[in-house]
Amino acid sequence: MSESRFPFTSSPKGWFAVALSRELEPGQVLPVKAFEKDLVLFRGEDGKPALLGAYCPHMGAHLGHGGKVVENTIKCPFHAWQFDGTGGCTKIPYSERIPPKAKVRPWSIMERNGMILAWNDIEGGAPEWEVPVIPEIGSDEWTDFEVREWDIRTHSMDMAENQVDVAHFQYLHGTLDYPESEASVDGHIMRVFSKAGMGTKQGAVAGSIESTSYGFGFNTIRFKGIVETLLVTSVTPTDAEHVHVRFCFMVKKSLGAALDKGVGKAFIAEVSRQLEQDIPVWENKAFVHPPMLCEGDGPIPLFRKWLRQFFPAGTFDNINVTAESHNA
């Protein structure tokens, strides 16, 4: 992002959603903006997705605008050069010889949990972990995804840090009380468990929130209390100043279809409302590191230590940005 806000890359290491699986049918092509790059996503006739750099090496046409799937390749709209999922040119219709450098950068992808995820590492490293299978997705005991999406001017770090910033829930979102939270880390995984009262028309209901982050790009949040709900989130950097946010909600079918639908929709609306309350703060706040913390702020120091692994080594060693420096 701009140097005045975040003095490090907008695109940390990890898996990030570039589409929902249901958005890409066999033979379909989608232009994608992610990691400050233009990309093209397509699904071959064999059903397998592929993600490539968007621009044809021949004369620079964008493969995502007018490109067509031919068997398991994408055909350039300009001169009909064809590229397979590895990025290699497989055919030039008017030439028997394919230039050795006729290649487009391929991206490592994984299709799992109803999403197509791309691995990003600005240092060019191969994937270091996999996103696990989430058992609720596809289960007959849970509803299908109900999706909400936003484009927000912020960094994925700020959104990820929200889960450990327990104090803001009461003062920004108006929750009934101050959540009791515990956080732990295991390599690229951070888990946060919170207990909090949830308001209903009949009064407060004891509830719990279990958040698990697999890096910055993929997260699950399990809510229990009013209605058992699973929220699968992906926050994907698009350009230097924005992220694309996908909230995919699922409700457990436990109270009967009509009641589940009504209670679930009300809960989804409340969670979405809370995110939209965060947006003006995220879009206008300054980055401060290390933050000036006080008792009761929650496990923010643990989060700031955990995040370092997703950026090039040494990124945070010499960063000392105070609010005073922004106000000077």
C-alpha atoms as a PDB file:
ATOM      1  CA  MET A   1       0.000   0.000   0.000  1.00  0.00           C
ATOM      2  CA  SER A   2       1.089   3.617  -0.047  1.00  0.00           C
ATOM      3  CA  GLU A   3       4.235   4.127   2.015  1.00  0.00           C
ATOM      4  CA  SER A   4       2.514   6.610   4.331  1.00  0.00           C
ATOM      5  CA  ARG A   5       0.082   3.941   5.532  1.00  0.00           C
ATOM      6  CA  PHE A   6       1.819   0.558   5.379  1.00  0.00           C
ATOM      7  CA  PRO A   7       5.603   0.412   4.900  1.00  0.00           C
ATOM      8  CA  PHE A   8       5.580  -3.150   3.543  1.00  0.00           C
ATOM      9  CA  THR A   9       4.103  -5.204   0.711  1.00  0.00           C
ATOM     10  CA  SER A  10       0.338  -5.294   0.258  1.00  0.00           C
ATOM     11  CA  SER A  11       0.556  -8.989  -0.708  1.00  0.00           C
ATOM     12  CA  PRO A  12       1.813 -11.262   2.101  1.00  0.00           C
ATOM     13  CA  LYS A  13       2.627 -14.921   1.659  1.00  0.00           C
ATOM     14  CA  GLY A  14      -0.208 -17.428   1.714  1.00  0.00           C
ATOM     15  CA  TRP A  15      -3.327 -18.823   0.040  1.00  0.00           C
ATOM     16  CA  PHE A  16      -5.939 -16.329  -1.153  1.00  0.00           C
ATOM     17  CA  ALA A  17      -9.258 -16.857  -2.946  1.00  0.00           C
ATOM     18  CA  VAL A  18      -9.413 -15.665  -6.549  1.00  0.00           C
ATOM     19  CA  ALA A  19     -12.947 -16.986  -7.168  1.00  0.00           C
ATOM     20  CA  LEU A  20     -15.664 -19.169  -5.753  1.00  0.00           C
ATOM     21  CA  SER A  21     -15.802 -22.569  -7.432  1.00  0.00           C
ATOM     22  CA  ARG A  22     -19.376 -21.957  -8.538  1.00  0.00           C
ATOM     23  CA  GLU A  23     -18.275 -18.827 -10.429  1.00  0.00           C
ATOM     24  CA  LEU A  24     -16.165 -20.844 -12.884  1.00  0.00           C
ATOM     25  CA  GLU A  25     -17.886 -23.419 -15.064  1.00  0.00           C
ATOM     26  CA  PRO A  26     -15.964 -25.721 -17.456  1.00  0.00           C
ATOM     27  CA  GLY A  27     -14.984 -23.687 -20.496  1.00  0.00           C
ATOM     28  CA  GLN A  28     -15.348 -20.363 -18.662  1.00  0.00           C
ATOM     29  CA  VAL A  29     -12.735 -17.577 -18.493  1.00  0.00           C
ATOM     30  CA  LEU A  30     -12.518 -14.907 -15.765  1.00  0.00           C
ATOM     31  CA  PRO A  31     -10.210 -11.891 -15.597  1.00  0.00           C
ATOM     32  CA  VAL A  32      -8.797 -11.589 -12.070  1.00  0.00           C
ATOM     33  CA  LYS A  33      -7.092  -8.776 -10.207  1.00  0.00           C
ATOM     34  CA  ALA A  34      -4.948 -10.025  -7.330  1.00  0.00           C
ATOM     35  CA  PHE A  35      -1.579  -9.301  -5.719  1.00  0.00           C
ATOM     36  CA  GLU A  36      -1.253  -6.044  -7.708  1.00  0.00           C
ATOM     37  CA  LYS A  37      -1.318  -8.094 -10.920  1.00  0.00           C
ATOM     38  CA  ASP A  38      -3.701  -8.798 -13.783  1.00  0.00           C
ATOM     39  CA  LEU A  39      -4.385 -12.523 -14.044  1.00  0.00           C
ATOM     40  CA  VAL A  40      -6.648 -14.846 -15.982  1.00  0.00           C
ATOM     41  CA  LEU A  41      -8.509 -17.801 -14.511  1.00  0.00           C
ATOM     42  CA  PHE A  42     -10.026 -20.517 -16.691  1.00  0.00           C
ATOM     43  CA  ARG A  43     -11.453 -23.986 -16.301  1.00  0.00           C
ATOM     44  CA  GLY A  44     -10.583 -26.544 -18.932  1.00  0.00           C
ATOM     45  CA  GLU A  45     -12.971 -29.033 -20.399  1.00  0.00           C
ATOM     46  CA  ASP A  46     -11.482 -31.590 -17.969  1.00  0.00           C
ATOM     47  CA  GLY A  47     -12.870 -29.489 -15.101  1.00  0.00           C
ATOM     48  CA  LYS A  48      -9.482 -28.379 -13.772  1.00  0.00           C
ATOM     49  CA  PRO A  49      -8.912 -24.655 -13.128  1.00  0.00           C
ATOM     50  CA  ALA A  50      -5.735 -22.808 -14.069  1.00  0.00           C
ATOM     51  CA  LEU A  51      -4.442 -19.341 -13.207  1.00  0.00           C
ATOM     52  CA  LEU A  52      -1.992 -17.506 -15.450  1.00  0.00           C
ATOM     53  CA  GLY A  53      -0.569 -14.065 -15.935  1.00  0.00           C
ATOM     54  CA  ALA A  54      -3.068 -12.133 -18.028  1.00  0.00           C
ATOM     55  CA  TYR A  55      -0.936 -10.886 -20.899  1.00  0.00           C
ATOM     56  CA  CYS A  56      -0.037 -12.886 -23.982  1.00  0.00           C
ATOM     57  CA  PRO A  57       3.741 -12.839 -24.562  1.00  0.00           C
ATOM     58  CA  HIS A  58       3.155 -12.365 -28.293  1.00  0.00           C
ATOM     59  CA  MET A  59       1.747  -8.821 -28.436  1.00  0.00           C
ATOM     60  CA  GLY A  60       0.300  -8.243 -24.998  1.00  0.00           C
ATOM     61  CA  ALA A  61      -3.402  -9.036 -25.407  1.00  0.00           C
ATOM     62  CA  HIS A  62      -5.279  -9.686 -22.148  1.00  0.00           C
ATOM     63  CA  LEU A  63      -6.267 -13.351 -22.192  1.00  0.00           C
ATOM     64  CA  GLY A  64      -9.141 -12.718 -19.803  1.00  0.00           C
ATOM     65  CA  HIS A  65     -10.966 -10.382 -22.180  1.00  0.00           C
ATOM     66  CA  GLY A  66     -12.082 -12.348 -25.203  1.00  0.00           C
ATOM     67  CA  GLY A  67      -9.947 -15.427 -24.544  1.00  0.00           C
ATOM     68  CA  LYS A  68     -11.638 -18.783 -25.165  1.00  0.00           C
ATOM     69  CA  VAL A  69     -11.127 -22.227 -23.677  1.00  0.00           C
ATOM     70  CA  VAL A  70     -10.130 -24.852 -26.246  1.00  0.00           C
ATOM     71  CA  GLU A  71     -10.026 -28.286 -24.637  1.00  0.00           C
ATOM     72  CA  ASN A  72      -7.704 -27.593 -21.677  1.00  0.00           C
ATOM     73  CA  THR A  73      -6.008 -24.480 -23.009  1.00  0.00           C
ATOM     74  CA  ILE A  74      -6.875 -20.807 -23.265  1.00  0.00           C
ATOM     75  CA  LYS A  75      -6.788 -19.236 -26.730  1.00  0.00           C
ATOM     76  CA  CYS A  76      -5.673 -15.634 -27.089  1.00  0.00           C
ATOM     77  CA  PRO A  77      -8.358 -13.391 -28.631  1.00  0.00           C
ATOM     78  CA  PHE A  78      -5.794 -11.504 -30.745  1.00  0.00           C
ATOM     79  CA  HIS A  79      -3.858 -14.121 -32.768  1.00  0.00           C
ATOM     80  CA  ALA A  80      -5.226 -17.422 -31.360  1.00  0.00           C
ATOM     81  CA  TRP A  81      -2.061 -18.573 -29.621  1.00  0.00           C
ATOM     82  CA  GLN A  82      -2.985 -21.282 -27.087  1.00  0.00           C
ATOM     83  CA  PHE A  83      -1.598 -21.768 -23.574  1.00  0.00           C
ATOM     84  CA  ASP A  84      -2.106 -24.680 -21.200  1.00  0.00           C
ATOM     85  CA  GLY A  85      -2.366 -24.613 -17.414  1.00  0.00           C
ATOM     86  CA  THR A  86       1.421 -24.666 -17.018  1.00  0.00           C
ATOM     87  CA  GLY A  87       1.647 -21.426 -19.011  1.00  0.00           C
ATOM     88  CA  GLY A  88       3.328 -23.041 -21.988  1.00  0.00           C
ATOM     89  CA  CYS A  89       2.281 -22.191 -25.526  1.00  0.00           C
ATOM     90  CA  THR A  90       0.932 -25.331 -27.170  1.00  0.00           C
ATOM     91  CA  LYS A  91      -0.203 -24.034 -30.556  1.00  0.00           C
ATOM     92  CA  ILE A  92       0.188 -21.127 -32.971  1.00  0.00           C
ATOM     93  CA  PRO A  93      -2.289 -21.695 -35.795  1.00  0.00           C
ATOM     94  CA  TYR A  94      -0.204 -19.997 -38.486  1.00  0.00           C
ATOM     95  CA  SER A  95       3.282 -21.198 -37.435  1.00  0.00           C
ATOM     96  CA  GLU A  96       4.841 -24.617 -37.103  1.00  0.00           C
ATOM     97  CA  ARG A  97       7.548 -23.309 -34.766  1.00  0.00           C
ATOM     98  CA  ILE A  98       6.702 -22.117 -31.259  1.00  0.00           C
ATOM     99  CA  PRO A  99       9.232 -19.642 -29.799  1.00  0.00           C
ATOM    100  CA  PRO A 100      10.987 -21.186 -26.767  1.00  0.00           C
ATOM    101  CA  LYS A 101      10.075 -18.181 -24.611  1.00  0.00           C
ATOM    102  CA  ALA A 102       6.389 -18.286 -25.514  1.00  0.00           C
ATOM    103  CA  LYS A 103       5.251 -18.797 -21.942  1.00  0.00           C
ATOM    104  CA  VAL A 104       2.958 -17.115 -19.435  1.00  0.00           C
ATOM    105  CA  ARG A 105       3.593 -17.243 -15.692  1.00  0.00           C
ATOM    106  CA  PRO A 106       1.493 -19.965 -14.017  1.00  0.00           C
ATOM    107  CA  TRP A 107       0.271 -19.611 -10.434  1.00  0.00           C
ATOM    108  CA  SER A 108      -0.052 -22.463  -7.947  1.00  0.00           C
ATOM    109  CA  ILE A 109      -3.729 -22.957  -7.156  1.00  0.00           C
ATOM    110  CA  MET A 110      -5.864 -25.201  -4.988  1.00  0.00           C
ATOM    111  CA  GLU A 111      -9.586 -25.820  -5.362  1.00  0.00           C
ATOM    112  CA  ARG A 112     -10.996 -26.617  -1.967  1.00  0.00           C
ATOM    113  CA  ASN A 113     -13.893 -25.666   0.293  1.00  0.00           C
ATOM    114  CA  GLY A 114     -15.889 -24.152  -2.555  1.00  0.00           C
ATOM    115  CA  MET A 115     -13.089 -21.730  -3.431  1.00  0.00           C
ATOM    116  CA  ILE A 116     -10.259 -21.477  -5.929  1.00  0.00           C
ATOM    117  CA  LEU A 117      -7.223 -20.347  -3.943  1.00  0.00           C
ATOM    118  CA  ALA A 118      -3.935 -19.025  -5.306  1.00  0.00           C
ATOM    119  CA  TRP A 119      -0.587 -19.181  -3.544  1.00  0.00           C
ATOM    120  CA  ASN A 120       1.234 -15.866  -3.320  1.00  0.00           C
ATOM    121  CA  ASP A 121       4.850 -15.330  -2.319  1.00  0.00           C
ATOM    122  CA  ILE A 122       6.605 -12.198  -3.574  1.00  0.00           C
ATOM    123  CA  GLU A 123       9.923 -14.031  -3.152  1.00  0.00           C
ATOM    124  CA  GLY A 124       8.777 -16.768  -5.533  1.00  0.00           C
ATOM    125  CA  GLY A 125       8.625 -19.635  -3.064  1.00  0.00           C
ATOM    126  CA  ALA A 126       6.521 -22.757  -3.576  1.00  0.00           C
ATOM    127  CA  PRO A 127       3.464 -23.406  -1.360  1.00  0.00           C
ATOM    128  CA  GLU A 128       4.510 -24.140   2.207  1.00  0.00           C
ATOM    129  CA  TRP A 129       1.215 -25.508   3.522  1.00  0.00           C
ATOM    130  CA  GLU A 130      -2.270 -26.490   2.384  1.00  0.00           C
ATOM    131  CA  VAL A 131      -5.628 -25.146   3.439  1.00  0.00           C
ATOM    132  CA  PRO A 132      -7.456 -28.027   5.157  1.00  0.00           C
ATOM    133  CA  VAL A 133     -10.798 -29.460   4.129  1.00  0.00           C
ATOM    134  CA  ILE A 134     -13.567 -27.834   6.195  1.00  0.00           C
ATOM    135  CA  PRO A 135     -15.956 -30.691   7.049  1.00  0.00           C
ATOM    136  CA  GLU A 136     -19.120 -28.568   7.281  1.00  0.00           C
ATOM    137  CA  ILE A 137     -18.828 -27.478   3.627  1.00  0.00           C
ATOM    138  CA  GLY A 138     -20.918 -29.813   1.493  1.00  0.00           C
ATOM    139  CA  SER A 139     -22.525 -31.497   4.515  1.00  0.00           C
ATOM    140  CA  ASP A 140     -26.271 -32.133   4.402  1.00  0.00           C
ATOM    141  CA  GLU A 141     -26.448 -30.790   7.964  1.00  0.00           C
ATOM    142  CA  TRP A 142     -25.449 -27.287   6.842  1.00  0.00           C
ATOM    143  CA  THR A 143     -26.857 -24.769   4.384  1.00  0.00           C
ATOM    144  CA  ASP A 144     -25.017 -23.769   1.210  1.00  0.00           C
ATOM    145  CA  PHE A 145     -22.879 -20.645   1.110  1.00  0.00           C
ATOM    146  CA  GLU A 146     -24.635 -17.318   1.479  1.00  0.00           C
ATOM    147  CA  VAL A 147     -22.061 -14.854   0.200  1.00  0.00           C
ATOM    148  CA  ARG A 148     -21.357 -11.215   0.967  1.00  0.00           C
ATOM    149  CA  GLU A 149     -18.531  -9.316  -0.769  1.00  0.00           C
ATOM    150  CA  TRP A 150     -16.786  -5.979  -0.300  1.00  0.00           C
ATOM    151  CA  ASP A 151     -13.873  -4.060  -1.822  1.00  0.00           C
ATOM    152  CA  ILE A 152     -12.110  -2.191   0.973  1.00  0.00           C
ATOM    153  CA  ARG A 153      -9.207   0.258   1.036  1.00  0.00           C
ATOM    154  CA  THR A 154      -7.084  -1.453   3.665  1.00  0.00           C
ATOM    155  CA  HIS A 155      -4.424  -4.104   4.200  1.00  0.00           C
ATOM    156  CA  SER A 156      -5.194  -7.749   4.911  1.00  0.00           C
ATOM    157  CA  MET A 157      -3.119  -7.388   8.081  1.00  0.00           C
ATOM    158  CA  ASP A 158      -5.586  -4.909   9.570  1.00  0.00           C
ATOM    159  CA  MET A 159      -8.498  -7.222   8.881  1.00  0.00           C
ATOM    160  CA  ALA A 160      -6.707 -10.232  10.344  1.00  0.00           C
ATOM    161  CA  GLU A 161      -5.763  -8.262  13.455  1.00  0.00           C
ATOM    162  CA  ASN A 162      -9.428  -7.493  14.074  1.00  0.00           C
ATOM    163  CA  GLN A 163      -9.957 -10.936  15.593  1.00  0.00           C
ATOM    164  CA  VAL A 164      -7.540 -10.263  18.470  1.00  0.00           C
ATOM    165  CA  ASP A 165      -8.604  -6.642  19.024  1.00  0.00           C
ATOM    166  CA  VAL A 166     -11.195  -7.682  21.588  1.00  0.00           C
ATOM    167  CA  ALA A 167     -11.807  -4.213  23.062  1.00  0.00           C
ATOM    168  CA  HIS A 168     -13.273  -2.739  19.884  1.00  0.00           C
ATOM    169  CA  PHE A 169     -16.214  -5.150  19.777  1.00  0.00           C
ATOM    170  CA  GLN A 170     -17.977  -3.440  22.649  1.00  0.00           C
ATOM    171  CA  TYR A 171     -17.141   0.143  21.733  1.00  0.00           C
ATOM    172  CA  LEU A 172     -17.435   0.066  17.940  1.00  0.00           C
ATOM    173  CA  HIS A 173     -19.985  -2.711  17.429  1.00  0.00           C
ATOM    174  CA  GLY A 174     -22.024  -2.365  20.614  1.00  0.00           C
ATOM    175  CA  THR A 175     -21.701  -5.947  21.805  1.00  0.00           C
ATOM    176  CA  LEU A 176     -23.200  -6.631  25.212  1.00  0.00           C
ATOM    177  CA  ASP A 177     -19.944  -7.125  27.067  1.00  0.00           C
ATOM    178  CA  TYR A 178     -16.202  -7.352  26.785  1.00  0.00           C
ATOM    179  CA  PRO A 179     -15.277 -10.721  25.230  1.00  0.00           C
ATOM    180  CA  GLU A 180     -13.111 -13.154  27.157  1.00  0.00           C
ATOM    181  CA  SER A 181     -10.512 -14.341  24.635  1.00  0.00           C
ATOM    182  CA  GLU A 182      -7.664 -16.812  24.419  1.00  0.00           C
ATOM    183  CA  ALA A 183      -5.260 -16.987  21.466  1.00  0.00           C
ATOM    184  CA  SER A 184      -2.646 -19.512  20.383  1.00  0.00           C
ATOM    185  CA  VAL A 185      -0.408 -19.995  17.368  1.00  0.00           C
ATOM    186  CA  ASP A 186       0.941 -23.088  15.653  1.00  0.00           C
ATOM    187  CA  GLY A 187       3.163 -22.178  12.714  1.00  0.00           C
ATOM    188  CA  HIS A 188       1.011 -20.469  10.063  1.00  0.00           C
ATOM    189  CA  ILE A 189      -2.186 -21.084  12.078  1.00  0.00           C
ATOM    190  CA  MET A 190      -3.660 -18.726  14.665  1.00  0.00           C
ATOM    191  CA  ARG A 191      -6.636 -19.708  16.812  1.00  0.00           C
ATOM    192  CA  VAL A 192      -8.720 -17.316  18.878  1.00  0.00           C
ATOM    193  CA  PHE A 193     -11.507 -18.503  21.174  1.00  0.00           C
ATOM    194  CA  SER A 194     -13.868 -15.945  22.709  1.00  0.00           C
ATOM    195  CA  LYS A 195     -16.885 -16.055  24.998  1.00  0.00           C
ATOM    196  CA  ALA A 196     -19.382 -13.234  24.644  1.00  0.00           C
ATOM    197  CA  GLY A 197     -23.041 -12.487  25.301  1.00  0.00           C
ATOM    198  CA  MET A 198     -25.200 -12.147  22.190  1.00  0.00           C
ATOM    199  CA  GLY A 199     -28.281  -9.934  22.257  1.00  0.00           C
ATOM    200  CA  THR A 200     -31.730 -11.152  21.168  1.00  0.00           C
ATOM    201  CA  LYS A 201     -35.281  -9.838  21.582  1.00  0.00           C
ATOM    202  CA  GLN A 202     -35.663 -12.327  24.410  1.00  0.00           C
ATOM    203  CA  GLY A 203     -32.502 -11.115  26.150  1.00  0.00           C
ATOM    204  CA  ALA A 204     -28.850 -12.077  26.241  1.00  0.00           C
ATOM    205  CA  VAL A 205     -27.699 -15.500  25.068  1.00  0.00           C
ATOM    206  CA  ALA A 206     -24.328 -16.944  26.071  1.00  0.00           C
ATOM    207  CA  GLY A 207     -22.248 -17.514  22.992  1.00  0.00           C
ATOM    208  CA  SER A 208     -18.790 -18.437  21.772  1.00  0.00           C
ATOM    209  CA  ILE A 209     -16.680 -17.553  18.746  1.00  0.00           C
ATOM    210  CA  GLU A 210     -13.874 -19.796  17.512  1.00  0.00           C
ATOM    211  CA  SER A 211     -11.687 -18.224  14.833  1.00  0.00           C
ATOM    212  CA  THR A 212      -8.956 -20.111  12.965  1.00  0.00           C
ATOM    213  CA  SER A 213      -6.685 -18.297  10.518  1.00  0.00           C
ATOM    214  CA  TYR A 214      -4.547 -20.172   8.020  1.00  0.00           C
ATOM    215  CA  GLY A 215      -2.287 -17.241   7.188  1.00  0.00           C
ATOM    216  CA  PHE A 216      -3.918 -13.962   6.209  1.00  0.00           C
ATOM    217  CA  GLY A 217      -5.938 -15.201   3.267  1.00  0.00           C
ATOM    218  CA  PHE A 218      -8.217 -17.953   4.595  1.00  0.00           C
ATOM    219  CA  ASN A 219     -10.112 -18.039   7.872  1.00  0.00           C
ATOM    220  CA  THR A 220     -12.992 -19.903   9.501  1.00  0.00           C
ATOM    221  CA  ILE A 221     -15.148 -18.506  12.300  1.00  0.00           C
ATOM    222  CA  ARG A 222     -17.561 -20.773  14.167  1.00  0.00           C
ATOM    223  CA  PHE A 223     -20.321 -19.030  16.085  1.00  0.00           C
ATOM    224  CA  LYS A 224     -22.377 -20.810  18.741  1.00  0.00           C
ATOM    225  CA  GLY A 225     -25.202 -19.307  20.752  1.00  0.00           C
ATOM    226  CA  ILE A 226     -28.155 -17.844  18.849  1.00  0.00           C
ATOM    227  CA  VAL A 227     -27.748 -20.194  15.898  1.00  0.00           C
ATOM    228  CA  GLU A 228     -24.742 -22.323  15.017  1.00  0.00           C
ATOM    229  CA  THR A 229     -23.069 -20.559  12.110  1.00  0.00           C
ATOM    230  CA  LEU A 230     -19.876 -21.093  10.129  1.00  0.00           C
ATOM    231  CA  LEU A 231     -18.274 -18.120   8.405  1.00  0.00           C
ATOM    232  CA  VAL A 232     -15.559 -18.861   5.834  1.00  0.00           C
ATOM    233  CA  THR A 233     -13.657 -15.721   4.919  1.00  0.00           C
ATOM    234  CA  SER A 234     -11.060 -14.800   2.352  1.00  0.00           C
ATOM    235  CA  VAL A 235      -9.335 -11.432   2.148  1.00  0.00           C
ATOM    236  CA  THR A 236      -7.431 -11.099  -1.124  1.00  0.00           C
ATOM    237  CA  PRO A 237      -5.106  -8.179  -1.928  1.00  0.00           C
ATOM    238  CA  THR A 238      -6.087  -6.756  -5.311  1.00  0.00           C
ATOM    239  CA  ASP A 239      -3.976  -3.652  -5.827  1.00  0.00           C
ATOM    240  CA  ALA A 240      -1.594  -1.616  -3.672  1.00  0.00           C
ATOM    241  CA  GLU A 241      -4.432  -0.140  -1.623  1.00  0.00           C
ATOM    242  CA  HIS A 242      -7.388  -2.527  -1.708  1.00  0.00           C
ATOM    243  CA  VAL A 243      -8.525  -5.990  -0.696  1.00  0.00           C
ATOM    244  CA  HIS A 244     -11.479  -8.018  -1.932  1.00  0.00           C
ATOM    245  CA  VAL A 245     -13.385  -9.590   0.955  1.00  0.00           C
ATOM    246  CA  ARG A 246     -15.574 -12.673   0.656  1.00  0.00           C
ATOM    247  CA  PHE A 247     -17.761 -13.716   3.592  1.00  0.00           C
ATOM    248  CA  CYS A 248     -19.330 -17.141   2.984  1.00  0.00           C
ATOM    249  CA  PHE A 249     -21.912 -17.976   5.656  1.00  0.00           C
ATOM    250  CA  MET A 250     -23.354 -21.378   6.481  1.00  0.00           C
ATOM    251  CA  VAL A 251     -26.016 -22.148   9.097  1.00  0.00           C
ATOM    252  CA  LYS A 252     -26.511 -25.516  10.749  1.00  0.00           C
ATOM    253  CA  LYS A 253     -29.917 -27.020   9.995  1.00  0.00           C
ATOM    254  CA  SER A 254     -30.951 -27.596  13.570  1.00  0.00           C
ATOM    255  CA  LEU A 255     -34.124 -25.634  14.331  1.00  0.00           C
ATOM    256  CA  GLY A 256     -36.202 -26.490  11.288  1.00  0.00           C
ATOM    257  CA  ALA A 257     -35.879 -24.963   7.848  1.00  0.00           C
ATOM    258  CA  ALA A 258     -38.089 -21.907   8.332  1.00  0.00           C
ATOM    259  CA  LEU A 259     -36.656 -20.961  11.726  1.00  0.00           C
ATOM    260  CA  ASP A 260     -33.072 -21.654  10.683  1.00  0.00           C
ATOM    261  CA  LYS A 261     -33.529 -19.444   7.646  1.00  0.00           C
ATOM    262  CA  GLY A 262     -34.976 -16.525   9.593  1.00  0.00           C
ATOM    263  CA  VAL A 263     -32.603 -16.654  12.553  1.00  0.00           C
ATOM    264  CA  GLY A 264     -29.644 -17.377  10.313  1.00  0.00           C
ATOM    265  CA  LYS A 265     -30.373 -14.451   7.998  1.00  0.00           C
ATOM    266  CA  ALA A 266     -30.720 -12.109  10.962  1.00  0.00           C
ATOM    267  CA  PHE A 267     -27.377 -13.264  12.346  1.00  0.00           C
ATOM    268  CA  ILE A 268     -25.696 -12.945   8.934  1.00  0.00           C
ATOM    269  CA  ALA A 269     -27.058  -9.407   8.657  1.00  0.00           C
ATOM    270  CA  GLU A 270     -25.633  -8.539  12.090  1.00  0.00           C
ATOM    271  CA  VAL A 271     -22.159  -9.883  11.315  1.00  0.00           C
ATOM    272  CA  SER A 272     -22.191  -8.014   7.993  1.00  0.00           C
ATOM    273  CA  ARG A 273     -23.297  -4.846   9.771  1.00  0.00           C
ATOM    274  CA  GLN A 274     -20.350  -5.119  12.130  1.00  0.00           C
ATOM    275  CA  LEU A 275     -17.902  -5.470   9.265  1.00  0.00           C
ATOM    276  CA  GLU A 276     -19.377  -2.394   7.594  1.00  0.00           C
ATOM    277  CA  GLN A 277     -18.855  -0.478  10.829  1.00  0.00           C
ATOM    278  CA  ASP A 278     -15.163  -1.373  10.626  1.00  0.00           C
ATOM    279  CA  ILE A 279     -14.725  -0.114   7.065  1.00  0.00           C
ATOM    280  CA  PRO A 280     -14.505   3.651   7.795  1.00  0.00           C
ATOM    281  CA  VAL A 281     -11.914   2.930  10.485  1.00  0.00           C
ATOM    282  CA  TRP A 282      -9.821   0.654   8.271  1.00  0.00           C
ATOM    283  CA  GLU A 283      -9.954   2.995   5.289  1.00  0.00           C
ATOM    284  CA  ASN A 284      -8.793   6.025   7.255  1.00  0.00           C
ATOM    285  CA  LYS A 285      -6.542   4.739  10.054  1.00  0.00           C
ATOM    286  CA  ALA A 286      -2.769   5.091  10.137  1.00  0.00           C
ATOM    287  CA  PHE A 287      -0.460   2.134  10.622  1.00  0.00           C
ATOM    288  CA  VAL A 288       1.243   2.184  14.032  1.00  0.00           C
ATOM    289  CA  HIS A 289       3.981  -0.272  14.985  1.00  0.00           C
ATOM    290  CA  PRO A 290       4.542  -1.120  17.713  1.00  0.00           C
ATOM    291  CA  PRO A 291       1.107  -0.045  18.944  1.00  0.00           C
ATOM    292  CA  MET A 292       0.731   1.714  22.299  1.00  0.00           C
ATOM    293  CA  LEU A 293      -1.164  -0.966  24.212  1.00  0.00           C
ATOM    294  CA  CYS A 294      -2.756  -1.100  27.641  1.00  0.00           C
ATOM    295  CA  GLU A 295      -4.183  -3.748  29.922  1.00  0.00           C
ATOM    296  CA  GLY A 296      -7.256  -5.336  28.352  1.00  0.00           C
ATOM    297  CA  ASP A 297      -6.304  -4.794  24.724  1.00  0.00           C
ATOM    298  CA  GLY A 298      -6.157  -8.533  24.032  1.00  0.00           C
ATOM    299  CA  PRO A 299      -3.461 -10.690  22.386  1.00  0.00           C
ATOM    300  CA  ILE A 300      -2.326  -8.080  19.858  1.00  0.00           C
ATOM    301  CA  PRO A 301       1.420  -8.594  20.654  1.00  0.00           C
ATOM    302  CA  LEU A 302       1.080 -12.312  19.866  1.00  0.00           C
ATOM    303  CA  PHE A 303      -0.580 -11.452  16.549  1.00  0.00           C
ATOM    304  CA  ARG A 304       2.143  -8.944  15.614  1.00  0.00           C
ATOM    305  CA  LYS A 305       4.784 -11.611  16.270  1.00  0.00           C
ATOM    306  CA  TRP A 306       2.856 -14.245  14.287  1.00  0.00           C
ATOM    307  CA  LEU A 307       2.396 -12.024  11.218  1.00  0.00           C
ATOM    308  CA  ARG A 308       6.143 -11.639  10.577  1.00  0.00           C
ATOM    309  CA  GLN A 309       6.403 -15.061   8.903  1.00  0.00           C
ATOM    310  CA  PHE A 310       4.185 -13.931   6.017  1.00  0.00           C
ATOM    311  CA  PHE A 311       6.528 -11.124   4.944  1.00  0.00           C
ATOM    312  CA  PRO A 312      10.138 -11.161   3.728  1.00  0.00           C
ATOM    313  CA  ALA A 313      12.658 -11.663   6.528  1.00  0.00           C
ATOM    314  CA  GLY A 314      13.554  -8.460   8.334  1.00  0.00           C
ATOM    315  CA  THR A 315      10.484  -6.529   7.153  1.00  0.00           C
ATOM    316  CA  PHE A 316       9.532  -5.391  10.665  1.00  0.00           C
ATOM    317  CA  ASP A 317      13.005  -5.151  12.191  1.00  0.00           C
ATOM    318  CA  ASN A 318      13.404  -1.434  11.682  1.00  0.00           C
ATOM    319  CA  ILE A 319       9.791  -0.259  11.582  1.00  0.00           C
ATOM    320  CA  ASN A 320       8.935   2.158  14.377  1.00  0.00           C
ATOM    321  CA  VAL A 321       5.892   4.194  13.366  1.00  0.00           C
ATOM    322  CA  THR A 322       4.009   6.092  16.051  1.00  0.00           C
ATOM    323  CA  ALA A 323       0.801   8.084  15.854  1.00  0.00           C
ATOM    324  CA  GLU A 324       2.926  11.106  16.743  1.00  0.00           C
ATOM    325  CA  SER A 325       4.943  10.667  13.555  1.00  0.00           C
ATOM    326  CA  HIS A 326       1.735  10.745  11.516  1.00  0.00           C
ATOM    327  CA  ASN A 327       0.554  13.835  13.385  1.00  0.00           C
ATOM    328  CA  ALA A 328       3.846  15.723  13.079  1.00  0.00           C
END
